[in-house]
Amino acid sequence: MVSIAGAVVSPGEYPIAPGETLYSILERAGGLSQVAFAEGAILIKTSAKKREQEQIRKLVATIQRNEISRNRTRENEDNLPTTNLSYEPRRID
C-alpha cells in the first residue's frame, strides 16, 4: 500500500504492484490538483527506512560486541605473568 496525500484529486491509500511507477499511482489518484506544485513533491519510503534502521541497529551491535571482545583480550594480555629474561654475553676462552 502507498499513501497519497496533499494536492491530488483523490488522496488516500492505494495498492501498489511490483514494477509500478509513482506516475501510475498518481494517475489512479486522479492526478495532481490545479494548485499542486509537482517540483515540491516528497517521496518517503517507510519500508526502506525501517530496513535501514534495522541494519544500523545490527551494525552498532556488531561494533559493540567487537569492542567488548577487543577490551577483554587486552585485559587478559595485561594479566599474563611476565618472565624476566636477561642475556649477558660471555666470552668463551
C-alpha atoms as a PDB file:
ATOM      1  CA  MET A   1       0.000   0.000   0.000  1.00  0.00           C
ATOM      2  CA  VAL A   2       1.021   3.545  -0.658  1.00  0.00           C
ATOM      3  CA  SER A   3      -0.429   6.671   0.881  1.00  0.00           C
ATOM      4  CA  ILE A   4      -1.005   9.634  -1.443  1.00  0.00           C
ATOM      5  CA  ALA A   5      -1.649  12.921   0.343  1.00  0.00           C
ATOM      6  CA  GLY A   6      -1.614  16.587  -0.480  1.00  0.00           C
ATOM      7  CA  ALA A   7      -2.650  18.341  -3.666  1.00  0.00           C
ATOM      8  CA  VAL A   8      -4.039  15.383  -5.619  1.00  0.00           C
ATOM      9  CA  VAL A   9      -7.596  14.925  -6.831  1.00  0.00           C
ATOM     10  CA  SER A  10      -8.281  11.831  -4.682  1.00  0.00           C
ATOM     11  CA  PRO A  11      -5.825  11.451  -1.775  1.00  0.00           C
ATOM     12  CA  GLY A  12      -5.820   8.134   0.053  1.00  0.00           C
ATOM     13  CA  GLU A  13      -4.310   4.656   0.319  1.00  0.00           C
ATOM     14  CA  TYR A  14      -3.609   2.797  -2.926  1.00  0.00           C
ATOM     15  CA  PRO A  15      -2.327  -0.725  -3.520  1.00  0.00           C
ATOM     16  CA  ILE A  16       0.945  -0.880  -5.371  1.00  0.00           C
ATOM     17  CA  ALA A  17       2.062  -3.667  -7.695  1.00  0.00           C
ATOM     18  CA  PRO A  18       5.665  -4.728  -8.322  1.00  0.00           C
ATOM     19  CA  GLY A  19       7.221  -2.555 -11.005  1.00  0.00           C
ATOM     20  CA  GLU A  20       4.544   0.098 -10.761  1.00  0.00           C
ATOM     21  CA  THR A  21       5.629   3.723 -11.017  1.00  0.00           C
ATOM     22  CA  LEU A  22       4.787   6.726  -8.908  1.00  0.00           C
ATOM     23  CA  TYR A  23       3.291   8.316 -12.008  1.00  0.00           C
ATOM     24  CA  SER A  24       0.787   5.443 -12.477  1.00  0.00           C
ATOM     25  CA  ILE A  25      -0.277   5.660  -8.836  1.00  0.00           C
ATOM     26  CA  LEU A  26      -0.766   9.423  -9.152  1.00  0.00           C
ATOM     27  CA  GLU A  27      -2.925   8.764 -12.222  1.00  0.00           C
ATOM     28  CA  ARG A  28      -5.120   6.428 -10.134  1.00  0.00           C
ATOM     29  CA  ALA A  29      -5.381   9.191  -7.542  1.00  0.00           C
ATOM     30  CA  GLY A  30      -6.861  11.413 -10.243  1.00  0.00           C
ATOM     31  CA  GLY A  31      -3.649  13.285 -10.896  1.00  0.00           C
ATOM     32  CA  LEU A  32      -2.371  16.467  -9.363  1.00  0.00           C
ATOM     33  CA  SER A  33      -4.829  19.203  -8.490  1.00  0.00           C
ATOM     34  CA  GLN A  34      -4.657  22.600 -10.199  1.00  0.00           C
ATOM     35  CA  VAL A  35      -2.844  24.110  -7.201  1.00  0.00           C
ATOM     36  CA  ALA A  36      -0.268  21.321  -6.907  1.00  0.00           C
ATOM     37  CA  PHE A  37       3.433  22.131  -7.043  1.00  0.00           C
ATOM     38  CA  ALA A  38       4.876  18.938  -8.549  1.00  0.00           C
ATOM     39  CA  GLU A  39       8.503  20.019  -8.045  1.00  0.00           C
ATOM     40  CA  GLY A  40       7.836  20.166  -4.294  1.00  0.00           C
ATOM     41  CA  ALA A  41       6.660  16.555  -4.032  1.00  0.00           C
ATOM     42  CA  ILE A  42       8.305  14.383  -1.373  1.00  0.00           C
ATOM     43  CA  LEU A  43       8.554  10.603  -1.602  1.00  0.00           C
ATOM     44  CA  ILE A  44       9.025   8.823   1.716  1.00  0.00           C
ATOM     45  CA  LYS A  45       9.717   5.099   1.550  1.00  0.00           C
ATOM     46  CA  THR A  46       8.822   3.935   5.052  1.00  0.00           C
ATOM     47  CA  SER A  47       9.665   0.271   4.435  1.00  0.00           C
ATOM     48  CA  ALA A  48      13.150   1.204   3.210  1.00  0.00           C
ATOM     49  CA  LYS A  49      13.576   3.473   6.220  1.00  0.00           C
ATOM     50  CA  LYS A  50      12.643   0.629   8.589  1.00  0.00           C
ATOM     51  CA  ARG A  51      15.113  -1.721   6.873  1.00  0.00           C
ATOM     52  CA  GLU A  52      17.835   0.913   7.073  1.00  0.00           C
ATOM     53  CA  GLN A  53      17.192   1.477  10.787  1.00  0.00           C
ATOM     54  CA  GLU A  54      17.378  -2.284  11.436  1.00  0.00           C
ATOM     55  CA  GLN A  55      20.667  -2.548   9.521  1.00  0.00           C
ATOM     56  CA  ILE A  56      22.101   0.355  11.531  1.00  0.00           C
ATOM     57  CA  ARG A  57      20.966  -1.289  14.785  1.00  0.00           C
ATOM     58  CA  LYS A  58      22.682  -4.564  13.790  1.00  0.00           C
ATOM     59  CA  LEU A  59      25.857  -2.745  12.758  1.00  0.00           C
ATOM     60  CA  VAL A  60      26.029  -0.886  16.070  1.00  0.00           C
ATOM     61  CA  ALA A  61      25.517  -4.153  17.988  1.00  0.00           C
ATOM     62  CA  THR A  62      28.307  -5.834  15.999  1.00  0.00           C
ATOM     63  CA  ILE A  63      30.685  -2.936  16.641  1.00  0.00           C
ATOM     64  CA  GLN A  64      29.867  -3.015  20.348  1.00  0.00           C
ATOM     65  CA  ARG A  65      30.456  -6.793  20.551  1.00  0.00           C
ATOM     66  CA  ASN A  66      33.782  -6.434  18.737  1.00  0.00           C
ATOM     67  CA  GLU A  67      34.892  -3.645  21.045  1.00  0.00           C
ATOM     68  CA  ILE A  68      33.950  -5.641  24.153  1.00  0.00           C
ATOM     69  CA  SER A  69      35.854  -8.640  22.808  1.00  0.00           C
ATOM     70  CA  ARG A  70      38.890  -6.495  21.997  1.00  0.00           C
ATOM     71  CA  ASN A  71      38.860  -4.979  25.505  1.00  0.00           C
ATOM     72  CA  ARG A  72      38.641  -8.426  27.119  1.00  0.00           C
ATOM     73  CA  THR A  73      41.568  -9.630  25.038  1.00  0.00           C
ATOM     74  CA  ARG A  74      43.639  -6.638  26.145  1.00  0.00           C
ATOM     75  CA  GLU A  75      42.707  -7.245  29.783  1.00  0.00           C
ATOM     76  CA  ASN A  76      43.711 -10.895  29.506  1.00  0.00           C
ATOM     77  CA  GLU A  77      47.026  -9.942  27.890  1.00  0.00           C
ATOM     78  CA  ASP A  78      47.693  -7.416  30.674  1.00  0.00           C
ATOM     79  CA  ASN A  79      47.138 -10.105  33.318  1.00  0.00           C
ATOM     80  CA  LEU A  80      49.575 -12.616  31.822  1.00  0.00           C
ATOM     81  CA  PRO A  81      52.607 -13.307  34.002  1.00  0.00           C
ATOM     82  CA  THR A  82      55.787 -11.846  32.626  1.00  0.00           C
ATOM     83  CA  THR A  83      59.119 -13.576  32.612  1.00  0.00           C
ATOM     84  CA  ASN A  84      62.223 -11.517  33.005  1.00  0.00           C
ATOM     85  CA  LEU A  85      64.782 -12.903  30.620  1.00  0.00           C
ATOM     86  CA  SER A  86      68.175 -11.356  30.611  1.00  0.00           C
ATOM     87  CA  TYR A  87      71.092 -12.090  28.424  1.00  0.00           C
ATOM     88  CA  GLU A  88      74.645 -11.269  29.212  1.00  0.00           C
ATOM     89  CA  PRO A  89      77.161 -12.058  26.546  1.00  0.00           C
ATOM     90  CA  ARG A  90      80.081 -14.122  27.866  1.00  0.00           C
ATOM     91  CA  ARG A  91      83.400 -14.625  26.408  1.00  0.00           C
ATOM     92  CA  ILE A  92      84.325 -18.206  25.752  1.00  0.00           C
ATOM     93  CA  ASP A  93      88.010 -18.978  26.045  1.00  0.00           C
END
